[in-house]
Amino acid sequence: MVAYEVHGNGPALLMPVNPQPIEGTKADEMRAWGVNPANGRDLIAGLADSYRVIAFDYEGYRLAHPVPLTPTRLADDLLAVADAAGVERFAYYGYSWLALAGLQLALRTDRLTALAMGGFPPLDGPYAEMLTVTRATHALALSPSSAASGGDSVWDTAELTLSPEQTGQFVVLYEALQSFSDAAVSLSVPRMCFAGSADVIAYGPKWGDVTVDIAGPLVRRRADLTAAGWDVEVLDGLDHTGAMQATAVLPVLRPWLDALGLPA
């Protein structure tokens, strides 16, 4: 069972972030990539005065305990955390693939009070592109010596440190999502999505030569998303890493949650 921490009182908010700041060499590496090693803690601090934040490092847990990660398994894992924390109804915020997880959760339970997705579009999601990237990542994990050198993207020079078991579970996830139609999704809970305007990642040959466009669908389909009941925010100038930091998330997420007046 994934470990979790509970901070604050008020309406429950399930948030798959690492509540413990990263330290040492790993923290230095994260800062080099523009990531705050204490991002989870800072998100909690910005919400726990009014919300019962249930924080858990789900990504870290699944990297430590890889499984065939189907969408249903994903939703079941998240519900298990809510059950362990003793909350029946809860809001959910996730970023990147953990935002995708929130959408799958929303389709499988009536316990959600609100859904906030950051860094992954709820419409026109890059499921095919992410399958290409995860398959390439898995192939590199199986045969690291086959990695191509060169390329213009920072991703081309990034070293792969994940095992075949760790990477393989995400191949399972995105393979299962190839038949998923986000255009057919109909939700009734309050919902919000956001991304940085510069959130477009071009992967070179090493990773399948695809472009994962997160910002584009929010910009192109904004009217459709709004008509479907989504509140949409595009954060000017921020890329995927920049828009996940607490300094960018809290000014969007906190006012939106406050305006909902969620039940405690």
C-alpha atoms as a PDB file:
ATOM      1  CA  MET A   1       0.000   0.000   0.000  1.00  0.00           C
ATOM      2  CA  VAL A   2       1.332   3.406  -0.946  1.00  0.00           C
ATOM      3  CA  ALA A   3       2.238   5.574   2.046  1.00  0.00           C
ATOM      4  CA  TYR A   4       0.341   8.832   2.449  1.00  0.00           C
ATOM      5  CA  GLU A   5       0.293  11.875   4.682  1.00  0.00           C
ATOM      6  CA  VAL A   6      -2.701  13.935   5.758  1.00  0.00           C
ATOM      7  CA  HIS A   7      -2.304  17.676   6.299  1.00  0.00           C
ATOM      8  CA  GLY A   8      -4.924  20.189   7.377  1.00  0.00           C
ATOM      9  CA  ASN A   9      -8.687  20.077   7.827  1.00  0.00           C
ATOM     10  CA  GLY A  10     -11.589  20.812   5.546  1.00  0.00           C
ATOM     11  CA  PRO A  11     -12.767  19.341   2.242  1.00  0.00           C
ATOM     12  CA  ALA A  12     -10.646  16.352   1.258  1.00  0.00           C
ATOM     13  CA  LEU A  13      -8.176  16.758  -1.609  1.00  0.00           C
ATOM     14  CA  LEU A  14      -6.370  13.718  -2.976  1.00  0.00           C
ATOM     15  CA  MET A  15      -3.026  14.831  -4.388  1.00  0.00           C
ATOM     16  CA  PRO A  16      -0.394  12.404  -5.758  1.00  0.00           C
ATOM     17  CA  VAL A  17       2.708  14.421  -4.933  1.00  0.00           C
ATOM     18  CA  ASN A  18       5.758  13.539  -2.856  1.00  0.00           C
ATOM     19  CA  PRO A  19       5.172  15.183   0.540  1.00  0.00           C
ATOM     20  CA  GLN A  20       8.835  14.822   1.495  1.00  0.00           C
ATOM     21  CA  PRO A  21      11.422  17.204   0.017  1.00  0.00           C
ATOM     22  CA  ILE A  22      14.143  15.512  -1.993  1.00  0.00           C
ATOM     23  CA  GLU A  23      17.647  16.139  -0.676  1.00  0.00           C
ATOM     24  CA  GLY A  24      21.268  15.613  -1.671  1.00  0.00           C
ATOM     25  CA  THR A  25      22.537  14.841  -5.165  1.00  0.00           C
ATOM     26  CA  LYS A  26      19.048  14.010  -6.449  1.00  0.00           C
ATOM     27  CA  ALA A  27      17.859  17.450  -5.372  1.00  0.00           C
ATOM     28  CA  ASP A  28      20.733  19.081  -7.248  1.00  0.00           C
ATOM     29  CA  GLU A  29      19.790  17.133 -10.372  1.00  0.00           C
ATOM     30  CA  MET A  30      16.174  18.232 -10.056  1.00  0.00           C
ATOM     31  CA  ARG A  31      17.153  21.887  -9.704  1.00  0.00           C
ATOM     32  CA  ALA A  32      19.266  21.561 -12.853  1.00  0.00           C
ATOM     33  CA  TRP A  33      16.092  20.546 -14.694  1.00  0.00           C
ATOM     34  CA  GLY A  34      14.165  23.452 -13.172  1.00  0.00           C
ATOM     35  CA  VAL A  35      12.255  21.302 -10.686  1.00  0.00           C
ATOM     36  CA  ASN A  36      11.748  22.318  -7.071  1.00  0.00           C
ATOM     37  CA  PRO A  37      12.856  19.376  -4.862  1.00  0.00           C
ATOM     38  CA  ALA A  38      10.281  20.463  -2.284  1.00  0.00           C
ATOM     39  CA  ASN A  39       7.438  20.992  -4.745  1.00  0.00           C
ATOM     40  CA  GLY A  40       5.066  18.567  -3.048  1.00  0.00           C
ATOM     41  CA  ARG A  41       5.636  20.105   0.362  1.00  0.00           C
ATOM     42  CA  ASP A  42       5.050  23.597  -1.063  1.00  0.00           C
ATOM     43  CA  LEU A  43       1.811  22.534  -2.729  1.00  0.00           C
ATOM     44  CA  ILE A  44       0.604  21.055   0.553  1.00  0.00           C
ATOM     45  CA  ALA A  45       1.559  24.207   2.456  1.00  0.00           C
ATOM     46  CA  GLY A  46      -0.447  26.326   0.028  1.00  0.00           C
ATOM     47  CA  LEU A  47      -3.623  24.303   0.550  1.00  0.00           C
ATOM     48  CA  ALA A  48      -3.599  22.716   4.006  1.00  0.00           C
ATOM     49  CA  ASP A  49      -4.911  25.796   5.809  1.00  0.00           C
ATOM     50  CA  SER A  50      -8.358  25.181   4.269  1.00  0.00           C
ATOM     51  CA  TYR A  51      -8.262  21.626   2.914  1.00  0.00           C
ATOM     52  CA  ARG A  52      -7.570  18.140   4.197  1.00  0.00           C
ATOM     53  CA  VAL A  53      -4.745  17.305   1.818  1.00  0.00           C
ATOM     54  CA  ILE A  54      -4.019  13.617   1.340  1.00  0.00           C
ATOM     55  CA  ALA A  55      -0.577  13.578  -0.260  1.00  0.00           C
ATOM     56  CA  PHE A  56       1.183  10.475  -1.547  1.00  0.00           C
ATOM     57  CA  ASP A  57       4.080   9.800  -3.886  1.00  0.00           C
ATOM     58  CA  TYR A  58       2.246   7.492  -6.251  1.00  0.00           C
ATOM     59  CA  GLU A  59       4.828   7.799  -9.002  1.00  0.00           C
ATOM     60  CA  GLY A  60       7.609   6.879  -6.596  1.00  0.00           C
ATOM     61  CA  TYR A  61       5.555   3.976  -5.287  1.00  0.00           C
ATOM     62  CA  ARG A  62       4.928   2.552  -8.730  1.00  0.00           C
ATOM     63  CA  LEU A  63       8.584   2.954  -9.713  1.00  0.00           C
ATOM     64  CA  ALA A  64       9.482   0.985  -6.605  1.00  0.00           C
ATOM     65  CA  HIS A  65       6.649  -1.528  -7.119  1.00  0.00           C
ATOM     66  CA  PRO A  66       5.957  -1.809 -10.859  1.00  0.00           C
ATOM     67  CA  VAL A  67       2.872  -3.686 -12.047  1.00  0.00           C
ATOM     68  CA  PRO A  68       0.930  -4.027 -15.312  1.00  0.00           C
ATOM     69  CA  LEU A  69      -0.569  -0.553 -14.963  1.00  0.00           C
ATOM     70  CA  THR A  70      -3.993  -0.652 -16.590  1.00  0.00           C
ATOM     71  CA  PRO A  71      -6.345   2.346 -16.292  1.00  0.00           C
ATOM     72  CA  THR A  72      -8.553   0.344 -13.928  1.00  0.00           C
ATOM     73  CA  ARG A  73      -5.576  -0.578 -11.738  1.00  0.00           C
ATOM     74  CA  LEU A  74      -4.617   3.086 -11.684  1.00  0.00           C
ATOM     75  CA  ALA A  75      -8.072   4.149 -10.489  1.00  0.00           C
ATOM     76  CA  ASP A  76      -8.220   1.333  -7.942  1.00  0.00           C
ATOM     77  CA  ASP A  77      -4.875   2.394  -6.466  1.00  0.00           C
ATOM     78  CA  LEU A  78      -6.089   5.975  -6.043  1.00  0.00           C
ATOM     79  CA  LEU A  79      -9.350   4.858  -4.443  1.00  0.00           C
ATOM     80  CA  ALA A  80      -7.383   2.621  -2.077  1.00  0.00           C
ATOM     81  CA  VAL A  81      -5.530   5.685  -0.781  1.00  0.00           C
ATOM     82  CA  ALA A  82      -8.807   7.519  -0.206  1.00  0.00           C
ATOM     83  CA  ASP A  83     -10.163   4.482   1.615  1.00  0.00           C
ATOM     84  CA  ALA A  84      -7.067   4.203   3.795  1.00  0.00           C
ATOM     85  CA  ALA A  85      -7.309   7.893   4.660  1.00  0.00           C
ATOM     86  CA  GLY A  86     -10.962   7.442   5.606  1.00  0.00           C
ATOM     87  CA  VAL A  87     -12.480   9.851   3.086  1.00  0.00           C
ATOM     88  CA  GLU A  88     -15.582   8.958   1.125  1.00  0.00           C
ATOM     89  CA  ARG A  89     -15.786  12.087  -1.029  1.00  0.00           C
ATOM     90  CA  PHE A  90     -12.778  14.018  -2.263  1.00  0.00           C
ATOM     91  CA  ALA A  91     -11.409  16.366  -4.885  1.00  0.00           C
ATOM     92  CA  TYR A  92      -8.419  15.316  -6.984  1.00  0.00           C
ATOM     93  CA  TYR A  93      -5.485  17.214  -8.441  1.00  0.00           C
ATOM     94  CA  GLY A  94      -2.809  15.575 -10.577  1.00  0.00           C
ATOM     95  CA  TYR A  95      -0.169  16.763 -13.023  1.00  0.00           C
ATOM     96  CA  SER A  96       1.062  15.192 -16.280  1.00  0.00           C
ATOM     97  CA  TRP A  97       0.336  11.446 -16.371  1.00  0.00           C
ATOM     98  CA  LEU A  98      -1.170  11.788 -12.898  1.00  0.00           C
ATOM     99  CA  ALA A  99      -3.689  14.204 -14.407  1.00  0.00           C
ATOM    100  CA  LEU A 100      -4.524  11.494 -16.915  1.00  0.00           C
ATOM    101  CA  ALA A 101      -4.959   9.210 -13.903  1.00  0.00           C
ATOM    102  CA  GLY A 102      -7.489  11.641 -12.465  1.00  0.00           C
ATOM    103  CA  LEU A 103      -9.558  11.540 -15.627  1.00  0.00           C
ATOM    104  CA  GLN A 104      -9.603   7.742 -15.556  1.00  0.00           C
ATOM    105  CA  LEU A 105     -10.545   7.887 -11.883  1.00  0.00           C
ATOM    106  CA  ALA A 106     -13.425  10.269 -12.603  1.00  0.00           C
ATOM    107  CA  LEU A 107     -14.833   7.803 -15.114  1.00  0.00           C
ATOM    108  CA  ARG A 108     -14.791   4.967 -12.575  1.00  0.00           C
ATOM    109  CA  THR A 109     -16.175   6.486  -9.383  1.00  0.00           C
ATOM    110  CA  ASP A 110     -18.926   8.785  -8.145  1.00  0.00           C
ATOM    111  CA  ARG A 111     -16.864   9.826  -5.118  1.00  0.00           C
ATOM    112  CA  LEU A 112     -15.151  12.824  -6.722  1.00  0.00           C
ATOM    113  CA  THR A 113     -16.225  16.331  -5.725  1.00  0.00           C
ATOM    114  CA  ALA A 114     -13.915  18.089  -8.219  1.00  0.00           C
ATOM    115  CA  LEU A 115     -11.201  17.256 -10.753  1.00  0.00           C
ATOM    116  CA  ALA A 116      -8.181  19.415 -11.592  1.00  0.00           C
ATOM    117  CA  MET A 117      -5.861  18.304 -14.398  1.00  0.00           C
ATOM    118  CA  GLY A 118      -2.532  20.021 -14.963  1.00  0.00           C
ATOM    119  CA  GLY A 119      -0.116  19.303 -17.802  1.00  0.00           C
ATOM    120  CA  PHE A 120      -2.336  16.881 -19.719  1.00  0.00           C
ATOM    121  CA  PRO A 121      -5.299  17.877 -21.893  1.00  0.00           C
ATOM    122  CA  PRO A 122      -8.692  16.279 -21.228  1.00  0.00           C
ATOM    123  CA  LEU A 123      -9.487  16.576 -24.942  1.00  0.00           C
ATOM    124  CA  ASP A 124      -7.216  15.542 -27.826  1.00  0.00           C
ATOM    125  CA  GLY A 125      -4.746  14.002 -25.380  1.00  0.00           C
ATOM    126  CA  PRO A 126      -1.446  12.776 -26.893  1.00  0.00           C
ATOM    127  CA  TYR A 127      -2.100   9.108 -26.200  1.00  0.00           C
ATOM    128  CA  ALA A 128      -0.549   7.813 -29.424  1.00  0.00           C
ATOM    129  CA  GLU A 129       2.528  10.004 -29.027  1.00  0.00           C
ATOM    130  CA  MET A 130       3.011   8.937 -25.428  1.00  0.00           C
ATOM    131  CA  LEU A 131       2.792   5.291 -26.456  1.00  0.00           C
ATOM    132  CA  THR A 132       5.593   5.904 -28.948  1.00  0.00           C
ATOM    133  CA  VAL A 133       7.724   7.594 -26.287  1.00  0.00           C
ATOM    134  CA  THR A 134       7.091   4.925 -23.648  1.00  0.00           C
ATOM    135  CA  ARG A 135       7.792   2.105 -26.090  1.00  0.00           C
ATOM    136  CA  ALA A 136      11.083   3.762 -27.050  1.00  0.00           C
ATOM    137  CA  THR A 137      11.931   4.269 -23.381  1.00  0.00           C
ATOM    138  CA  HIS A 138      11.154   0.631 -22.656  1.00  0.00           C
ATOM    139  CA  ALA A 139      13.321  -0.510 -25.567  1.00  0.00           C
ATOM    140  CA  LEU A 140      16.218   1.552 -24.236  1.00  0.00           C
ATOM    141  CA  ALA A 141      15.746   0.047 -20.791  1.00  0.00           C
ATOM    142  CA  LEU A 142      15.902  -3.419 -22.335  1.00  0.00           C
ATOM    143  CA  SER A 143      18.994  -2.578 -24.379  1.00  0.00           C
ATOM    144  CA  PRO A 144      20.757   0.588 -23.147  1.00  0.00           C
ATOM    145  CA  SER A 145      23.646   0.108 -25.565  1.00  0.00           C
ATOM    146  CA  SER A 146      21.263   0.673 -28.485  1.00  0.00           C
ATOM    147  CA  ALA A 147      20.692   4.317 -27.543  1.00  0.00           C
ATOM    148  CA  ALA A 148      21.371   6.690 -30.411  1.00  0.00           C
ATOM    149  CA  SER A 149      23.618   9.651 -29.737  1.00  0.00           C
ATOM    150  CA  GLY A 150      23.161  13.247 -30.806  1.00  0.00           C
ATOM    151  CA  GLY A 151      19.966  15.205 -31.365  1.00  0.00           C
ATOM    152  CA  ASP A 152      18.793  18.702 -30.678  1.00  0.00           C
ATOM    153  CA  SER A 153      16.530  18.086 -27.694  1.00  0.00           C
ATOM    154  CA  VAL A 154      17.624  17.885 -24.070  1.00  0.00           C
ATOM    155  CA  TRP A 155      15.719  14.600 -24.034  1.00  0.00           C
ATOM    156  CA  ASP A 156      18.198  13.198 -26.555  1.00  0.00           C
ATOM    157  CA  THR A 157      21.061  13.597 -24.106  1.00  0.00           C
ATOM    158  CA  ALA A 158      19.130  12.465 -21.031  1.00  0.00           C
ATOM    159  CA  GLU A 159      20.384   9.240 -19.524  1.00  0.00           C
ATOM    160  CA  LEU A 160      17.901   6.457 -18.919  1.00  0.00           C
ATOM    161  CA  THR A 161      18.090   5.045 -15.408  1.00  0.00           C
ATOM    162  CA  LEU A 162      14.796   3.133 -15.330  1.00  0.00           C
ATOM    163  CA  SER A 163      14.496  -0.635 -15.440  1.00  0.00           C
ATOM    164  CA  PRO A 164      12.502  -2.640 -17.997  1.00  0.00           C
ATOM    165  CA  GLU A 165       9.913  -3.374 -15.299  1.00  0.00           C
ATOM    166  CA  GLN A 166       9.528   0.317 -14.476  1.00  0.00           C
ATOM    167  CA  THR A 167       9.193   1.419 -18.090  1.00  0.00           C
ATOM    168  CA  GLY A 168       7.087  -1.554 -19.146  1.00  0.00           C
ATOM    169  CA  GLN A 169       4.197  -0.646 -16.867  1.00  0.00           C
ATOM    170  CA  PHE A 170       3.732   2.646 -18.714  1.00  0.00           C
ATOM    171  CA  VAL A 171       3.729   0.841 -22.047  1.00  0.00           C
ATOM    172  CA  VAL A 172       0.854  -1.244 -20.674  1.00  0.00           C
ATOM    173  CA  LEU A 173      -0.967   1.915 -19.618  1.00  0.00           C
ATOM    174  CA  TYR A 174      -0.686   3.748 -22.926  1.00  0.00           C
ATOM    175  CA  GLU A 175      -1.432   0.603 -24.949  1.00  0.00           C
ATOM    176  CA  ALA A 176      -4.651   0.240 -22.980  1.00  0.00           C
ATOM    177  CA  LEU A 177      -5.515   3.897 -23.635  1.00  0.00           C
ATOM    178  CA  GLN A 178      -5.216   3.665 -27.426  1.00  0.00           C
ATOM    179  CA  SER A 179      -8.897   2.758 -27.637  1.00  0.00           C
ATOM    180  CA  PHE A 180      -9.909   5.473 -25.160  1.00  0.00           C
ATOM    181  CA  SER A 181     -11.889   8.363 -26.653  1.00  0.00           C
ATOM    182  CA  ASP A 182     -11.569  11.499 -24.547  1.00  0.00           C
ATOM    183  CA  ALA A 183     -14.060  13.190 -26.897  1.00  0.00           C
ATOM    184  CA  ALA A 184     -16.726  10.788 -25.623  1.00  0.00           C
ATOM    185  CA  VAL A 185     -16.130  11.650 -21.959  1.00  0.00           C
ATOM    186  CA  SER A 186     -19.070  13.172 -20.100  1.00  0.00           C
ATOM    187  CA  LEU A 187     -18.519  14.307 -16.517  1.00  0.00           C
ATOM    188  CA  SER A 188     -20.747  16.122 -14.054  1.00  0.00           C
ATOM    189  CA  VAL A 189     -18.218  17.112 -11.360  1.00  0.00           C
ATOM    190  CA  PRO A 190     -16.621  20.583 -11.396  1.00  0.00           C
ATOM    191  CA  ARG A 191     -13.470  20.306 -13.487  1.00  0.00           C
ATOM    192  CA  MET A 192     -10.521  22.421 -14.471  1.00  0.00           C
ATOM    193  CA  CYS A 193      -7.488  21.960 -16.697  1.00  0.00           C
ATOM    194  CA  PHE A 194      -4.343  23.999 -17.187  1.00  0.00           C
ATOM    195  CA  ALA A 195      -1.007  23.856 -18.947  1.00  0.00           C
ATOM    196  CA  GLY A 196       1.880  26.128 -19.782  1.00  0.00           C
ATOM    197  CA  SER A 197       1.651  27.847 -23.150  1.00  0.00           C
ATOM    198  CA  ALA A 198       5.101  26.500 -24.035  1.00  0.00           C
ATOM    199  CA  ASP A 199       4.327  22.912 -23.044  1.00  0.00           C
ATOM    200  CA  VAL A 200       5.408  21.200 -26.255  1.00  0.00           C
ATOM    201  CA  ILE A 201       8.144  18.563 -26.121  1.00  0.00           C
ATOM    202  CA  ALA A 202       9.862  17.482 -29.324  1.00  0.00           C
ATOM    203  CA  TYR A 203      11.500  14.088 -28.853  1.00  0.00           C
ATOM    204  CA  GLY A 204      14.335  13.086 -31.169  1.00  0.00           C
ATOM    205  CA  PRO A 205      15.057   9.703 -32.773  1.00  0.00           C
ATOM    206  CA  LYS A 206      16.148   8.195 -29.462  1.00  0.00           C
ATOM    207  CA  TRP A 207      12.612   8.529 -28.123  1.00  0.00           C
ATOM    208  CA  GLY A 208      10.579   7.853 -31.244  1.00  0.00           C
ATOM    209  CA  ASP A 209      10.823  11.160 -33.107  1.00  0.00           C
ATOM    210  CA  VAL A 210       7.456  12.479 -31.953  1.00  0.00           C
ATOM    211  CA  THR A 211       6.166  15.755 -30.557  1.00  0.00           C
ATOM    212  CA  VAL A 212       4.033  15.683 -27.425  1.00  0.00           C
ATOM    213  CA  ASP A 213       1.878  18.792 -27.521  1.00  0.00           C
ATOM    214  CA  ILE A 214       0.149  19.514 -24.221  1.00  0.00           C
ATOM    215  CA  ALA A 215      -0.622  23.215 -24.683  1.00  0.00           C
ATOM    216  CA  GLY A 216      -2.007  22.950 -28.214  1.00  0.00           C
ATOM    217  CA  PRO A 217      -5.258  21.134 -27.402  1.00  0.00           C
ATOM    218  CA  LEU A 218      -6.102  23.599 -24.624  1.00  0.00           C
ATOM    219  CA  VAL A 219      -5.578  26.519 -27.006  1.00  0.00           C
ATOM    220  CA  ARG A 220      -7.237  24.993 -30.084  1.00  0.00           C
ATOM    221  CA  ARG A 221     -10.149  23.375 -28.284  1.00  0.00           C
ATOM    222  CA  ARG A 222     -10.710  25.934 -25.561  1.00  0.00           C
ATOM    223  CA  ALA A 223     -14.232  26.752 -26.705  1.00  0.00           C
ATOM    224  CA  ASP A 224     -15.110  23.046 -26.900  1.00  0.00           C
ATOM    225  CA  LEU A 225     -13.646  22.390 -23.467  1.00  0.00           C
ATOM    226  CA  THR A 226     -15.558  25.296 -21.972  1.00  0.00           C
ATOM    227  CA  ALA A 227     -18.767  24.114 -23.609  1.00  0.00           C
ATOM    228  CA  ALA A 228     -18.137  20.682 -22.086  1.00  0.00           C
ATOM    229  CA  GLY A 229     -17.909  22.203 -18.614  1.00  0.00           C
ATOM    230  CA  TRP A 230     -14.167  22.615 -18.187  1.00  0.00           C
ATOM    231  CA  ASP A 231     -12.544  25.705 -16.734  1.00  0.00           C
ATOM    232  CA  VAL A 232      -9.389  26.252 -18.797  1.00  0.00           C
ATOM    233  CA  GLU A 233      -6.186  28.106 -17.904  1.00  0.00           C
ATOM    234  CA  VAL A 234      -3.122  28.530 -20.115  1.00  0.00           C
ATOM    235  CA  LEU A 235      -0.077  29.755 -18.190  1.00  0.00           C
ATOM    236  CA  ASP A 236       1.859  32.178 -20.349  1.00  0.00           C
ATOM    237  CA  GLY A 237       5.432  31.223 -21.210  1.00  0.00           C
ATOM    238  CA  LEU A 238       5.683  28.122 -19.037  1.00  0.00           C
ATOM    239  CA  ASP A 239       6.817  24.722 -20.262  1.00  0.00           C
ATOM    240  CA  HIS A 240       5.903  21.329 -18.809  1.00  0.00           C
ATOM    241  CA  THR A 241       8.344  21.637 -15.932  1.00  0.00           C
ATOM    242  CA  GLY A 242       7.555  25.271 -15.190  1.00  0.00           C
ATOM    243  CA  ALA A 243       3.795  24.758 -15.002  1.00  0.00           C
ATOM    244  CA  MET A 244       4.099  21.949 -12.458  1.00  0.00           C
ATOM    245  CA  GLN A 245       5.826  24.085  -9.822  1.00  0.00           C
ATOM    246  CA  ALA A 246       3.824  25.175  -6.790  1.00  0.00           C
ATOM    247  CA  THR A 247       4.476  28.826  -7.618  1.00  0.00           C
ATOM    248  CA  ALA A 248       2.557  28.316 -10.880  1.00  0.00           C
ATOM    249  CA  VAL A 249      -0.046  25.806  -9.700  1.00  0.00           C
ATOM    250  CA  LEU A 250      -1.298  27.434  -6.511  1.00  0.00           C
ATOM    251  CA  PRO A 251      -2.423  30.750  -8.091  1.00  0.00           C
ATOM    252  CA  VAL A 252      -4.622  28.700 -10.423  1.00  0.00           C
ATOM    253  CA  LEU A 253      -5.695  25.756  -8.286  1.00  0.00           C
ATOM    254  CA  ARG A 254      -6.354  27.438  -4.951  1.00  0.00           C
ATOM    255  CA  PRO A 255      -8.813  30.147  -6.151  1.00  0.00           C
ATOM    256  CA  TRP A 256     -10.637  27.603  -8.271  1.00  0.00           C
ATOM    257  CA  LEU A 257     -11.078  25.211  -5.343  1.00  0.00           C
ATOM    258  CA  ASP A 258     -12.093  28.032  -3.006  1.00  0.00           C
ATOM    259  CA  ALA A 259     -14.788  29.218  -5.414  1.00  0.00           C
ATOM    260  CA  LEU A 260     -16.386  25.772  -5.486  1.00  0.00           C
ATOM    261  CA  GLY A 261     -17.289  25.786  -1.813  1.00  0.00           C
ATOM    262  CA  LEU A 262     -16.674  22.046  -1.516  1.00  0.00           C
ATOM    263  CA  PRO A 263     -18.332  20.125   1.336  1.00  0.00           C
ATOM    264  CA  ALA A 264     -16.109  19.262   4.284  1.00  0.00           C
END
